[in-house]
Amino acid sequence: MYLRSSLYDALAQVDDGDWQQVLQRHPFWQAEGSRLDGEHQDIAFHILMHEGELGDHLAPSDAAFEFDAVPVPPPVFQDPDLAARVQHWSDMHAANYGPGLTIKMGLYVIRAGGTLGFHVDGPVFLKGMRVDLSDETVQRGLVEVQASHRTILPLRFNEDDRFMVCGFRAPLRRGELFEFNNVLPHAYFNRGSGHAVLLVTTYLEEALLPAQFDYRAAVPA
């Protein structure tokens, strides 16, 4: 049995005005989502930063699952305000958690009526997936998911939406940045008429990594 306090941690109240302006200026997040299966449909993750760098060079093939890298139109990254906002947000995580690396940052969209079914994050993403634990990439992924922080800033959501962690409903509040334990089962159910847009950041804290682990090395192909 999990204590609710171990699943969800409100970090700070922040001004999300700059991010709201991003949504208004660049409507790419309104594009169609992807469907992986019956439990994962009408969802899209628009990556803004990957491995500490602006995500302007990424393609869907760079992600393990098709909905995890729905392309952001190139002109979006030419917006200097957006680039500055992404870097500022990454720097804020570094200031809060200490030396490390922003592994991934992006706008996670669950479209109206969409579902992101229960899952855990890391190399084993979906229930019942078979995985080779001797694989170097998988091993690196396991280390990273255990040593990383997952924060969420809800930018748009519906009152009846359900963000669930281990069966508990985590409250969504405008401007409230929170961290949750993403190695535990979690899900999002869009129950409203508008798209849910979450700013999701995964920050790898150097102090939590094993000795000699080079977190800035290129991920093996």
N, C-alpha and C. Protein backbone atom coordinates (compact mmCIF):
# COMPACT_ATOMS: atom_id res chain seq x y z
N MET A 1 0.83 -1.19 0.00
CA MET A 1 0.00 0.00 0.00
C MET A 1 0.87 1.24 0.00
N TYR A 2 0.53 2.19 -0.88
CA TYR A 2 1.31 3.41 -0.99
C TYR A 2 0.63 4.55 -0.24
N LEU A 3 1.45 5.36 0.43
CA LEU A 3 0.92 6.56 1.05
C LEU A 3 0.79 7.64 0.00
N ARG A 4 -0.30 8.37 0.04
CA ARG A 4 -0.53 9.40 -0.96
C ARG A 4 0.64 10.39 -1.02
N SER A 5 1.23 10.69 0.15
CA SER A 5 2.32 11.68 0.21
C SER A 5 3.57 11.21 -0.53
N SER A 6 3.69 9.90 -0.78
CA SER A 6 4.86 9.38 -1.48
C SER A 6 4.69 9.38 -2.99
N LEU A 7 3.51 9.72 -3.47
CA LEU A 7 3.20 9.65 -4.89
C LEU A 7 3.27 11.00 -5.58
N TYR A 8 3.03 12.06 -4.86
CA TYR A 8 2.81 13.37 -5.44
C TYR A 8 3.38 14.42 -4.51
N ASP A 9 4.16 15.36 -5.07
CA ASP A 9 4.77 16.39 -4.24
C ASP A 9 4.65 17.73 -4.94
N ALA A 10 3.84 18.62 -4.38
CA ALA A 10 3.72 19.98 -4.92
C ALA A 10 5.01 20.72 -4.63
N LEU A 11 5.64 21.28 -5.67
CA LEU A 11 6.94 21.92 -5.52
C LEU A 11 6.86 23.43 -5.35
N ALA A 12 6.06 24.08 -6.19
CA ALA A 12 6.02 25.54 -6.16
C ALA A 12 4.85 26.06 -6.98
N GLN A 13 4.45 27.28 -6.67
CA GLN A 13 3.48 27.99 -7.49
C GLN A 13 4.28 28.89 -8.44
N VAL A 14 4.07 28.74 -9.72
CA VAL A 14 4.86 29.47 -10.71
C VAL A 14 3.95 30.26 -11.65
N ASP A 15 4.53 31.26 -12.27
CA ASP A 15 3.82 32.04 -13.28
C ASP A 15 3.95 31.32 -14.62
N ASP A 16 2.84 30.84 -15.15
CA ASP A 16 2.90 30.09 -16.41
C ASP A 16 2.58 30.96 -17.62
N GLY A 17 2.59 32.27 -17.44
CA GLY A 17 2.20 33.18 -18.52
C GLY A 17 3.00 33.01 -19.79
N ASP A 18 4.31 32.82 -19.67
CA ASP A 18 5.16 32.65 -20.86
C ASP A 18 4.79 31.39 -21.62
N TRP A 19 4.49 30.33 -20.88
CA TRP A 19 4.12 29.08 -21.55
C TRP A 19 2.74 29.19 -22.20
N GLN A 20 1.83 29.92 -21.57
CA GLN A 20 0.53 30.14 -22.18
C GLN A 20 0.67 30.92 -23.48
N GLN A 21 1.61 31.84 -23.54
CA GLN A 21 1.85 32.59 -24.77
C GLN A 21 2.40 31.67 -25.86
N VAL A 22 3.22 30.70 -25.47
CA VAL A 22 3.73 29.73 -26.43
C VAL A 22 2.57 28.97 -27.06
N LEU A 23 1.62 28.53 -26.24
CA LEU A 23 0.46 27.80 -26.76
C LEU A 23 -0.37 28.66 -27.69
N GLN A 24 -0.48 29.93 -27.38
CA GLN A 24 -1.28 30.83 -28.21
C GLN A 24 -0.60 31.15 -29.54
N ARG A 25 0.72 31.30 -29.52
CA ARG A 25 1.44 31.67 -30.73
C ARG A 25 1.65 30.48 -31.66
N HIS A 26 1.78 29.29 -31.09
CA HIS A 26 2.14 28.12 -31.88
C HIS A 26 1.13 27.00 -31.63
N PRO A 27 0.16 26.84 -32.51
CA PRO A 27 -0.93 25.86 -32.28
C PRO A 27 -0.58 24.42 -32.67
N PHE A 28 0.70 24.09 -32.80
CA PHE A 28 1.07 22.73 -33.21
C PHE A 28 0.53 21.67 -32.26
N TRP A 29 0.32 22.02 -31.01
CA TRP A 29 -0.14 21.06 -30.01
C TRP A 29 -1.59 20.64 -30.25
N GLN A 30 -2.27 21.33 -31.17
CA GLN A 30 -3.65 20.97 -31.50
C GLN A 30 -3.73 19.92 -32.60
N ALA A 31 -2.59 19.51 -33.13
CA ALA A 31 -2.58 18.50 -34.20
C ALA A 31 -3.11 17.17 -33.69
N GLU A 32 -3.46 16.28 -34.61
CA GLU A 32 -4.00 14.98 -34.24
C GLU A 32 -2.99 14.20 -33.41
N GLY A 33 -3.49 13.47 -32.44
CA GLY A 33 -2.66 12.61 -31.62
C GLY A 33 -2.51 11.24 -32.26
N SER A 34 -1.79 10.38 -31.59
CA SER A 34 -1.55 9.03 -32.09
C SER A 34 -2.28 8.01 -31.23
N ARG A 35 -2.49 6.84 -31.80
CA ARG A 35 -3.13 5.74 -31.08
C ARG A 35 -2.19 4.56 -31.09
N LEU A 36 -1.76 4.15 -29.90
CA LEU A 36 -0.87 3.01 -29.80
C LEU A 36 -1.66 1.72 -29.61
N ASP A 37 -2.67 1.79 -28.75
CA ASP A 37 -3.58 0.67 -28.54
C ASP A 37 -4.82 1.22 -27.85
N GLY A 38 -5.71 0.34 -27.41
CA GLY A 38 -6.96 0.80 -26.82
C GLY A 38 -6.79 1.63 -25.57
N GLU A 39 -5.65 1.49 -24.89
CA GLU A 39 -5.43 2.23 -23.65
C GLU A 39 -4.57 3.47 -23.85
N HIS A 40 -4.06 3.65 -25.06
CA HIS A 40 -3.19 4.79 -25.35
C HIS A 40 -3.63 5.38 -26.69
N GLN A 41 -4.51 6.36 -26.63
CA GLN A 41 -5.05 6.92 -27.87
C GLN A 41 -5.27 8.42 -27.74
N ASP A 42 -5.14 9.09 -28.89
CA ASP A 42 -5.28 10.55 -28.97
C ASP A 42 -4.32 11.26 -28.03
N ILE A 43 -3.06 10.83 -28.07
CA ILE A 43 -2.03 11.43 -27.23
C ILE A 43 -0.83 11.79 -28.09
N ALA A 44 -0.06 12.77 -27.64
CA ALA A 44 1.13 13.19 -28.38
C ALA A 44 2.09 13.88 -27.42
N PHE A 45 3.38 13.60 -27.59
CA PHE A 45 4.41 14.27 -26.81
C PHE A 45 5.27 15.08 -27.77
N HIS A 46 5.17 16.39 -27.70
CA HIS A 46 5.94 17.28 -28.56
C HIS A 46 7.22 17.66 -27.82
N ILE A 47 8.34 17.09 -28.24
CA ILE A 47 9.58 17.26 -27.51
C ILE A 47 10.23 18.61 -27.83
N LEU A 48 10.50 19.37 -26.77
CA LEU A 48 11.15 20.67 -26.89
C LEU A 48 12.63 20.61 -26.56
N MET A 49 13.02 19.71 -25.67
CA MET A 49 14.44 19.52 -25.32
C MET A 49 14.70 18.04 -25.14
N HIS A 50 15.85 17.59 -25.65
CA HIS A 50 16.22 16.18 -25.54
C HIS A 50 17.70 16.09 -25.24
N GLU A 51 18.06 15.37 -24.16
CA GLU A 51 19.45 15.21 -23.74
C GLU A 51 20.16 16.55 -23.63
N GLY A 52 19.48 17.54 -23.07
CA GLY A 52 20.08 18.84 -22.80
C GLY A 52 20.15 19.79 -23.98
N GLU A 53 19.63 19.39 -25.13
CA GLU A 53 19.68 20.24 -26.31
C GLU A 53 18.27 20.50 -26.84
N LEU A 54 18.12 21.65 -27.48
CA LEU A 54 16.85 21.99 -28.09
C LEU A 54 16.44 20.88 -29.06
N GLY A 55 15.15 20.52 -29.06
CA GLY A 55 14.70 19.38 -29.83
C GLY A 55 14.45 19.66 -31.30
N ASP A 56 15.11 20.65 -31.88
CA ASP A 56 14.83 21.01 -33.27
C ASP A 56 15.36 20.01 -34.28
N HIS A 57 16.17 19.04 -33.82
CA HIS A 57 16.76 18.08 -34.74
C HIS A 57 16.10 16.71 -34.66
N LEU A 58 15.10 16.57 -33.81
CA LEU A 58 14.49 15.27 -33.59
C LEU A 58 13.47 14.91 -34.65
N ALA A 59 13.33 13.63 -34.88
CA ALA A 59 12.30 13.08 -35.77
C ALA A 59 11.59 11.98 -35.01
N PRO A 60 10.37 11.61 -35.43
CA PRO A 60 9.65 10.53 -34.73
C PRO A 60 10.45 9.25 -34.56
N SER A 61 11.35 8.96 -35.50
CA SER A 61 12.12 7.73 -35.42
C SER A 61 13.10 7.74 -34.25
N ASP A 62 13.33 8.91 -33.65
CA ASP A 62 14.25 9.00 -32.52
C ASP A 62 13.60 8.53 -31.22
N ALA A 63 12.32 8.29 -31.23
CA ALA A 63 11.61 7.90 -30.01
C ALA A 63 11.26 6.42 -30.07
N ALA A 64 11.08 5.85 -28.89
CA ALA A 64 10.77 4.43 -28.83
C ALA A 64 9.34 4.14 -29.25
N PHE A 65 8.44 5.11 -29.05
CA PHE A 65 7.04 4.92 -29.40
C PHE A 65 6.58 6.10 -30.23
N GLU A 66 5.72 5.86 -31.21
CA GLU A 66 5.40 6.87 -32.19
C GLU A 66 4.80 8.13 -31.60
N PHE A 67 4.01 8.00 -30.53
CA PHE A 67 3.39 9.20 -29.98
C PHE A 67 4.38 10.02 -29.16
N ASP A 68 5.57 9.49 -28.93
CA ASP A 68 6.53 10.13 -28.04
C ASP A 68 7.36 11.20 -28.74
N ALA A 69 7.17 11.40 -30.01
CA ALA A 69 7.92 12.43 -30.72
C ALA A 69 7.11 12.94 -31.91
N VAL A 70 5.88 13.36 -31.65
CA VAL A 70 5.09 13.97 -32.72
C VAL A 70 5.81 15.25 -33.13
N PRO A 71 6.14 15.40 -34.42
CA PRO A 71 7.02 16.50 -34.83
C PRO A 71 6.49 17.88 -34.45
N VAL A 72 7.42 18.72 -34.00
CA VAL A 72 7.15 20.13 -33.79
C VAL A 72 7.62 20.84 -35.06
N PRO A 73 6.78 21.64 -35.70
CA PRO A 73 7.19 22.32 -36.94
C PRO A 73 8.46 23.13 -36.74
N PRO A 74 9.42 23.04 -37.67
CA PRO A 74 10.69 23.77 -37.52
C PRO A 74 10.56 25.25 -37.20
N PRO A 75 9.59 25.98 -37.80
CA PRO A 75 9.50 27.42 -37.47
C PRO A 75 9.28 27.70 -35.99
N VAL A 76 8.71 26.72 -35.27
CA VAL A 76 8.48 26.93 -33.84
C VAL A 76 9.80 27.14 -33.12
N PHE A 77 10.83 26.38 -33.49
CA PHE A 77 12.12 26.48 -32.82
C PHE A 77 12.88 27.73 -33.23
N GLN A 78 12.41 28.41 -34.27
CA GLN A 78 13.05 29.66 -34.68
C GLN A 78 12.55 30.84 -33.86
N ASP A 79 11.59 30.58 -32.99
CA ASP A 79 11.08 31.62 -32.09
C ASP A 79 12.07 31.78 -30.94
N PRO A 80 12.78 32.91 -30.88
CA PRO A 80 13.80 33.07 -29.83
C PRO A 80 13.21 33.06 -28.42
N ASP A 81 11.97 33.51 -28.29
CA ASP A 81 11.33 33.50 -26.98
C ASP A 81 11.10 32.07 -26.50
N LEU A 82 10.72 31.18 -27.44
CA LEU A 82 10.51 29.79 -27.08
C LEU A 82 11.82 29.14 -26.65
N ALA A 83 12.87 29.34 -27.44
CA ALA A 83 14.17 28.76 -27.12
C ALA A 83 14.66 29.24 -25.75
N ALA A 84 14.45 30.53 -25.47
CA ALA A 84 14.88 31.08 -24.19
C ALA A 84 14.05 30.50 -23.05
N ARG A 85 12.76 30.32 -23.29
CA ARG A 85 11.88 29.77 -22.26
C ARG A 85 12.26 28.32 -21.94
N VAL A 86 12.55 27.53 -22.96
CA VAL A 86 12.95 26.14 -22.76
C VAL A 86 14.24 26.07 -21.94
N GLN A 87 15.22 26.90 -22.32
CA GLN A 87 16.50 26.89 -21.61
C GLN A 87 16.33 27.36 -20.16
N HIS A 88 15.51 28.38 -19.97
CA HIS A 88 15.27 28.88 -18.61
C HIS A 88 14.64 27.80 -17.74
N TRP A 89 13.70 27.06 -18.31
CA TRP A 89 13.02 26.01 -17.54
C TRP A 89 14.00 24.89 -17.18
N SER A 90 14.89 24.55 -18.11
CA SER A 90 15.91 23.55 -17.82
C SER A 90 16.86 24.05 -16.73
N ASP A 91 17.28 25.30 -16.83
CA ASP A 91 18.18 25.88 -15.83
C ASP A 91 17.53 25.91 -14.45
N MET A 92 16.22 26.14 -14.42
CA MET A 92 15.51 26.16 -13.14
C MET A 92 15.58 24.79 -12.47
N HIS A 93 15.43 23.74 -13.25
CA HIS A 93 15.53 22.39 -12.67
C HIS A 93 16.94 22.13 -12.16
N ALA A 94 17.95 22.60 -12.89
CA ALA A 94 19.33 22.41 -12.44
C ALA A 94 19.57 23.16 -11.13
N ALA A 95 19.00 24.35 -11.00
CA ALA A 95 19.16 25.12 -9.78
C ALA A 95 18.46 24.43 -8.60
N ASN A 96 17.35 23.76 -8.87
CA ASN A 96 16.59 23.10 -7.80
C ASN A 96 17.19 21.77 -7.39
N TYR A 97 17.68 20.99 -8.36
CA TYR A 97 18.12 19.63 -8.08
C TYR A 97 19.63 19.46 -8.05
N GLY A 98 20.37 20.46 -8.49
CA GLY A 98 21.81 20.34 -8.54
C GLY A 98 22.28 19.87 -9.91
N PRO A 99 23.59 19.65 -10.07
CA PRO A 99 24.15 19.25 -11.37
C PRO A 99 23.44 18.04 -11.95
N GLY A 100 23.28 18.06 -13.26
CA GLY A 100 22.60 16.97 -13.94
C GLY A 100 22.28 17.33 -15.36
N LEU A 101 21.22 16.75 -15.90
CA LEU A 101 20.88 16.93 -17.30
C LEU A 101 19.38 16.82 -17.51
N THR A 102 18.83 17.73 -18.30
CA THR A 102 17.43 17.61 -18.70
C THR A 102 17.36 16.57 -19.81
N ILE A 103 16.89 15.39 -19.47
CA ILE A 103 16.82 14.31 -20.45
C ILE A 103 15.77 14.60 -21.51
N LYS A 104 14.62 15.06 -21.03
CA LYS A 104 13.52 15.32 -21.97
C LYS A 104 12.58 16.36 -21.39
N MET A 105 12.13 17.25 -22.25
CA MET A 105 11.14 18.25 -21.87
C MET A 105 10.19 18.43 -23.05
N GLY A 106 8.92 18.49 -22.77
CA GLY A 106 8.00 18.68 -23.88
C GLY A 106 6.58 18.92 -23.42
N LEU A 107 5.73 19.18 -24.38
CA LEU A 107 4.31 19.38 -24.13
C LEU A 107 3.59 18.07 -24.38
N TYR A 108 3.08 17.48 -23.32
CA TYR A 108 2.34 16.23 -23.43
C TYR A 108 0.87 16.58 -23.59
N VAL A 109 0.28 16.16 -24.69
CA VAL A 109 -1.10 16.50 -25.00
C VAL A 109 -1.96 15.25 -24.99
N ILE A 110 -3.01 15.30 -24.19
CA ILE A 110 -4.04 14.25 -24.22
C ILE A 110 -5.28 14.93 -24.77
N ARG A 111 -5.62 14.63 -26.01
CA ARG A 111 -6.72 15.32 -26.67
C ARG A 111 -8.05 15.01 -26.01
N ALA A 112 -9.04 15.84 -26.30
CA ALA A 112 -10.37 15.65 -25.72
C ALA A 112 -10.83 14.21 -25.94
N GLY A 113 -11.18 13.54 -24.85
CA GLY A 113 -11.60 12.16 -24.94
C GLY A 113 -10.46 11.16 -25.00
N GLY A 114 -9.23 11.64 -24.99
CA GLY A 114 -8.08 10.76 -25.11
C GLY A 114 -7.74 10.05 -23.81
N THR A 115 -6.93 9.01 -23.95
CA THR A 115 -6.56 8.18 -22.80
C THR A 115 -5.08 7.84 -22.85
N LEU A 116 -4.41 8.08 -21.75
CA LEU A 116 -3.05 7.58 -21.54
C LEU A 116 -3.16 6.56 -20.43
N GLY A 117 -3.26 5.28 -20.81
CA GLY A 117 -3.56 4.23 -19.85
C GLY A 117 -2.46 4.02 -18.83
N PHE A 118 -2.77 3.24 -17.80
CA PHE A 118 -1.80 2.99 -16.73
C PHE A 118 -0.54 2.36 -17.29
N HIS A 119 0.60 2.88 -16.87
CA HIS A 119 1.90 2.41 -17.32
C HIS A 119 2.95 2.88 -16.33
N VAL A 120 4.15 2.36 -16.47
CA VAL A 120 5.31 2.87 -15.75
C VAL A 120 6.31 3.35 -16.79
N ASP A 121 7.14 4.33 -16.43
CA ASP A 121 8.11 4.87 -17.38
C ASP A 121 9.44 4.15 -17.27
N GLY A 122 10.17 4.17 -18.37
CA GLY A 122 11.46 3.52 -18.42
C GLY A 122 11.52 2.54 -19.58
N PRO A 123 12.57 1.72 -19.64
CA PRO A 123 12.72 0.77 -20.76
C PRO A 123 11.56 -0.20 -20.89
N VAL A 124 10.91 -0.55 -19.76
CA VAL A 124 9.73 -1.40 -19.82
C VAL A 124 8.53 -0.48 -19.69
N PHE A 125 7.93 -0.13 -20.81
CA PHE A 125 6.93 0.93 -20.81
C PHE A 125 5.52 0.40 -20.63
N LEU A 126 5.17 -0.62 -21.36
CA LEU A 126 3.80 -1.13 -21.32
C LEU A 126 3.73 -2.44 -20.54
N LYS A 127 2.56 -2.75 -20.07
CA LYS A 127 2.37 -3.96 -19.28
C LYS A 127 2.72 -5.21 -20.10
N GLY A 128 3.49 -6.11 -19.49
CA GLY A 128 3.77 -7.38 -20.13
C GLY A 128 4.80 -7.34 -21.23
N MET A 129 5.53 -6.24 -21.39
CA MET A 129 6.50 -6.17 -22.47
C MET A 129 7.73 -7.01 -22.12
N ARG A 130 8.20 -7.78 -23.07
CA ARG A 130 9.40 -8.60 -22.88
C ARG A 130 10.62 -7.74 -23.21
N VAL A 131 11.64 -7.78 -22.37
CA VAL A 131 12.80 -6.92 -22.59
C VAL A 131 14.07 -7.67 -22.22
N ASP A 132 15.16 -7.41 -22.95
CA ASP A 132 16.46 -8.03 -22.69
C ASP A 132 17.22 -7.14 -21.71
N LEU A 133 17.29 -7.57 -20.44
CA LEU A 133 17.93 -6.77 -19.40
C LEU A 133 19.44 -6.68 -19.55
N SER A 134 20.02 -7.51 -20.42
CA SER A 134 21.46 -7.43 -20.65
C SER A 134 21.82 -6.36 -21.67
N ASP A 135 20.82 -5.83 -22.35
CA ASP A 135 21.05 -4.82 -23.37
C ASP A 135 21.57 -3.53 -22.72
N GLU A 136 22.62 -2.95 -23.27
CA GLU A 136 23.24 -1.77 -22.68
C GLU A 136 22.30 -0.57 -22.63
N THR A 137 21.52 -0.41 -23.68
CA THR A 137 20.57 0.71 -23.71
C THR A 137 19.52 0.55 -22.62
N VAL A 138 19.03 -0.67 -22.44
CA VAL A 138 18.03 -0.92 -21.40
C VAL A 138 18.62 -0.68 -20.02
N GLN A 139 19.85 -1.15 -19.81
CA GLN A 139 20.49 -0.94 -18.51
C GLN A 139 20.66 0.54 -18.21
N ARG A 140 21.07 1.28 -19.20
CA ARG A 140 21.23 2.72 -19.02
C ARG A 140 19.88 3.36 -18.70
N GLY A 141 18.85 2.91 -19.40
CA GLY A 141 17.52 3.46 -19.16
C GLY A 141 17.02 3.19 -17.76
N LEU A 142 17.31 1.99 -17.24
CA LEU A 142 16.89 1.64 -15.88
C LEU A 142 17.58 2.53 -14.86
N VAL A 143 18.87 2.79 -15.07
CA VAL A 143 19.60 3.66 -14.16
C VAL A 143 19.02 5.07 -14.21
N GLU A 144 18.78 5.56 -15.41
CA GLU A 144 18.30 6.93 -15.56
C GLU A 144 16.92 7.14 -14.96
N VAL A 145 16.03 6.19 -15.14
CA VAL A 145 14.68 6.38 -14.63
C VAL A 145 14.66 6.37 -13.11
N GLN A 146 15.60 5.65 -12.50
CA GLN A 146 15.67 5.61 -11.04
C GLN A 146 16.32 6.87 -10.46
N ALA A 147 17.12 7.56 -11.27
CA ALA A 147 17.87 8.72 -10.77
C ALA A 147 17.31 10.04 -11.29
N SER A 148 16.13 10.00 -11.87
CA SER A 148 15.59 11.22 -12.48
C SER A 148 14.37 11.73 -11.72
N HIS A 149 14.07 12.99 -11.93
CA HIS A 149 12.89 13.63 -11.37
C HIS A 149 11.94 13.92 -12.52
N ARG A 150 10.67 13.64 -12.33
CA ARG A 150 9.65 13.93 -13.34
C ARG A 150 8.73 15.02 -12.78
N THR A 151 8.77 16.19 -13.40
CA THR A 151 7.91 17.28 -12.96
C THR A 151 6.86 17.58 -14.02
N ILE A 152 5.74 18.10 -13.56
CA ILE A 152 4.64 18.44 -14.46
C ILE A 152 4.09 19.81 -14.08
N LEU A 153 3.88 20.63 -15.08
CA LEU A 153 3.17 21.90 -14.91
C LEU A 153 1.91 21.82 -15.77
N PRO A 154 0.74 21.71 -15.18
CA PRO A 154 -0.49 21.66 -15.97
C PRO A 154 -0.77 23.03 -16.61
N LEU A 155 -0.81 23.06 -17.93
CA LEU A 155 -1.08 24.31 -18.63
C LEU A 155 -2.55 24.43 -19.03
N ARG A 156 -3.11 23.33 -19.49
CA ARG A 156 -4.54 23.31 -19.82
C ARG A 156 -5.10 21.94 -19.43
N PHE A 157 -6.28 21.94 -18.84
CA PHE A 157 -6.91 20.69 -18.45
C PHE A 157 -8.38 20.97 -18.17
N ASN A 158 -9.14 19.90 -18.10
CA ASN A 158 -10.57 19.99 -17.82
C ASN A 158 -10.84 19.62 -16.37
N GLU A 159 -11.86 20.20 -15.82
CA GLU A 159 -12.16 19.98 -14.40
C GLU A 159 -12.37 18.51 -14.07
N ASP A 160 -12.94 17.75 -15.02
CA ASP A 160 -13.24 16.35 -14.75
C ASP A 160 -12.13 15.39 -15.16
N ASP A 161 -11.00 15.91 -15.67
CA ASP A 161 -9.90 15.04 -16.05
C ASP A 161 -9.38 14.28 -14.84
N ARG A 162 -8.79 13.11 -15.11
CA ARG A 162 -8.24 12.29 -14.05
C ARG A 162 -6.76 12.02 -14.33
N PHE A 163 -5.89 12.57 -13.47
CA PHE A 163 -4.48 12.20 -13.49
C PHE A 163 -4.28 11.28 -12.29
N MET A 164 -4.01 10.01 -12.58
CA MET A 164 -4.01 8.98 -11.55
C MET A 164 -2.60 8.43 -11.32
N VAL A 165 -2.25 8.25 -10.06
CA VAL A 165 -0.99 7.61 -9.68
C VAL A 165 -1.33 6.54 -8.65
N CYS A 166 -1.11 5.28 -9.01
CA CYS A 166 -1.43 4.15 -8.12
C CYS A 166 -2.86 4.22 -7.59
N GLY A 167 -3.78 4.59 -8.45
CA GLY A 167 -5.18 4.61 -8.05
C GLY A 167 -5.61 5.88 -7.35
N PHE A 168 -4.68 6.76 -6.99
CA PHE A 168 -5.03 8.03 -6.37
C PHE A 168 -5.14 9.11 -7.43
N ARG A 169 -6.09 10.00 -7.29
CA ARG A 169 -6.24 11.11 -8.21
C ARG A 169 -5.37 12.28 -7.73
N ALA A 170 -4.37 12.64 -8.54
CA ALA A 170 -3.50 13.76 -8.20
C ALA A 170 -4.19 15.05 -8.62
N PRO A 171 -4.26 16.05 -7.76
CA PRO A 171 -4.94 17.30 -8.11
C PRO A 171 -4.16 18.08 -9.16
N LEU A 172 -4.88 18.66 -10.10
CA LEU A 172 -4.29 19.52 -11.11
C LEU A 172 -4.70 20.95 -10.81
N ARG A 173 -3.72 21.83 -10.65
CA ARG A 173 -4.00 23.22 -10.35
C ARG A 173 -3.18 24.11 -11.26
N ARG A 174 -3.81 25.13 -11.80
CA ARG A 174 -3.12 26.06 -12.69
C ARG A 174 -1.94 26.71 -11.95
N GLY A 175 -0.77 26.62 -12.57
CA GLY A 175 0.41 27.26 -12.02
C GLY A 175 1.12 26.47 -10.95
N GLU A 176 0.63 25.27 -10.61
CA GLU A 176 1.28 24.47 -9.57
C GLU A 176 2.19 23.42 -10.20
N LEU A 177 3.49 23.59 -9.98
CA LEU A 177 4.46 22.63 -10.47
C LEU A 177 4.56 21.49 -9.45
N PHE A 178 4.45 20.25 -9.95
CA PHE A 178 4.55 19.13 -9.02
C PHE A 178 5.45 18.04 -9.59
N GLU A 179 5.93 17.21 -8.68
CA GLU A 179 6.74 16.05 -9.04
C GLU A 179 6.00 14.81 -8.62
N PHE A 180 6.09 13.75 -9.43
CA PHE A 180 5.47 12.50 -9.03
C PHE A 180 6.40 11.34 -9.35
N ASN A 181 6.15 10.23 -8.72
CA ASN A 181 6.99 9.05 -8.87
C ASN A 181 6.56 8.29 -10.12
N ASN A 182 7.30 8.47 -11.20
CA ASN A 182 6.87 7.91 -12.47
C ASN A 182 7.29 6.46 -12.68
N VAL A 183 7.93 5.85 -11.68
CA VAL A 183 8.19 4.41 -11.78
C VAL A 183 7.03 3.61 -11.20
N LEU A 184 6.02 4.33 -10.71
CA LEU A 184 4.80 3.69 -10.24
C LEU A 184 3.71 3.87 -11.30
N PRO A 185 2.74 2.97 -11.36
CA PRO A 185 1.69 3.06 -12.39
C PRO A 185 0.94 4.38 -12.33
N HIS A 186 0.83 5.02 -13.49
CA HIS A 186 0.10 6.28 -13.57
C HIS A 186 -0.62 6.37 -14.91
N ALA A 187 -1.61 7.24 -14.97
CA ALA A 187 -2.45 7.34 -16.17
C ALA A 187 -3.10 8.71 -16.21
N TYR A 188 -3.58 9.08 -17.40
CA TYR A 188 -4.34 10.33 -17.56
C TYR A 188 -5.55 10.04 -18.43
N PHE A 189 -6.71 10.46 -17.94
CA PHE A 189 -7.97 10.27 -18.67
C PHE A 189 -8.59 11.64 -18.91
N ASN A 190 -8.67 12.03 -20.17
CA ASN A 190 -9.28 13.31 -20.52
C ASN A 190 -10.79 13.12 -20.58
N ARG A 191 -11.50 13.76 -19.64
CA ARG A 191 -12.95 13.61 -19.53
C ARG A 191 -13.69 14.86 -19.99
N GLY A 192 -12.99 15.80 -20.61
CA GLY A 192 -13.63 17.07 -20.98
C GLY A 192 -13.65 17.31 -22.47
N SER A 193 -14.02 18.52 -22.84
CA SER A 193 -14.14 18.88 -24.25
C SER A 193 -12.91 19.58 -24.80
N GLY A 194 -11.95 19.89 -23.94
CA GLY A 194 -10.73 20.56 -24.37
C GLY A 194 -9.52 19.66 -24.22
N HIS A 195 -8.47 19.97 -24.97
CA HIS A 195 -7.23 19.20 -24.87
C HIS A 195 -6.54 19.50 -23.54
N ALA A 196 -5.96 18.48 -22.95
CA ALA A 196 -5.10 18.68 -21.78
C ALA A 196 -3.67 18.87 -22.29
N VAL A 197 -2.99 19.87 -21.75
CA VAL A 197 -1.61 20.15 -22.14
C VAL A 197 -0.77 20.23 -20.87
N LEU A 198 0.19 19.33 -20.75
CA LEU A 198 1.05 19.28 -19.58
C LEU A 198 2.49 19.53 -20.01
N LEU A 199 3.18 20.42 -19.31
CA LEU A 199 4.60 20.61 -19.55
C LEU A 199 5.34 19.59 -18.68
N VAL A 200 5.94 18.61 -19.33
CA VAL A 200 6.57 17.49 -18.63
C VAL A 200 8.09 17.58 -18.79
N THR A 201 8.79 17.52 -17.68
CA THR A 201 10.25 17.61 -17.69
C THR A 201 10.84 16.44 -16.92
N THR A 202 11.83 15.78 -17.51
CA THR A 202 12.55 14.70 -16.84
C THR A 202 13.98 15.16 -16.64
N TYR A 203 14.38 15.33 -15.37
CA TYR A 203 15.71 15.85 -15.05
C TYR A 203 16.51 14.78 -14.32
N LEU A 204 17.68 14.48 -14.85
CA LEU A 204 18.56 13.46 -14.28
C LEU A 204 19.52 14.12 -13.29
N GLU A 205 19.43 13.72 -12.03
CA GLU A 205 20.27 14.32 -10.98
C GLU A 205 21.56 13.53 -10.85
N GLU A 206 22.67 14.20 -11.06
CA GLU A 206 23.98 13.55 -11.04
C GLU A 206 24.25 12.84 -9.72
N ALA A 207 23.86 13.45 -8.61
CA ALA A 207 24.16 12.90 -7.29
C ALA A 207 23.49 11.56 -7.04
N LEU A 208 22.45 11.24 -7.80
CA LEU A 208 21.71 9.99 -7.59
C LEU A 208 22.24 8.85 -8.47
N LEU A 209 23.23 9.15 -9.30
CA LEU A 209 23.74 8.14 -10.23
C LEU A 209 24.87 7.33 -9.62
N PRO A 210 25.07 6.09 -10.10
CA PRO A 210 26.20 5.28 -9.62
C PRO A 210 27.53 5.94 -9.99
N ALA A 211 28.55 5.65 -9.22
CA ALA A 211 29.88 6.18 -9.53
C ALA A 211 30.32 5.71 -10.91
N GLN A 212 31.02 6.56 -11.60
CA GLN A 212 31.57 6.28 -12.93
C GLN A 212 30.50 6.25 -14.03
N PHE A 213 29.26 6.61 -13.71
CA PHE A 213 28.23 6.61 -14.75
C PHE A 213 28.31 7.92 -15.52
N ASP A 214 28.60 7.81 -16.83
CA ASP A 214 28.73 9.00 -17.67
C ASP A 214 27.37 9.34 -18.27
N TYR A 215 26.67 10.24 -17.58
CA TYR A 215 25.30 10.53 -18.03
C TYR A 215 25.28 11.43 -19.26
N ARG A 216 26.41 12.01 -19.63
CA ARG A 216 26.44 12.85 -20.83
C ARG A 216 26.93 12.09 -22.07
N ALA A 217 27.26 10.82 -21.90
CA ALA A 217 27.69 10.02 -23.04
C ALA A 217 26.51 9.74 -23.94
N ALA A 218 26.78 9.59 -25.21
CA ALA A 218 25.72 9.30 -26.17
C ALA A 218 25.05 7.98 -25.82
N VAL A 219 23.73 7.94 -25.94
CA VAL A 219 23.02 6.71 -25.69
C VAL A 219 23.36 5.69 -26.78
N PRO A 220 23.72 4.46 -26.41
CA PRO A 220 24.10 3.47 -27.42
C PRO A 220 23.00 3.26 -28.46
N ALA A 221 23.40 3.06 -29.71
CA ALA A 221 22.42 2.82 -30.77
C ALA A 221 21.79 1.45 -30.61
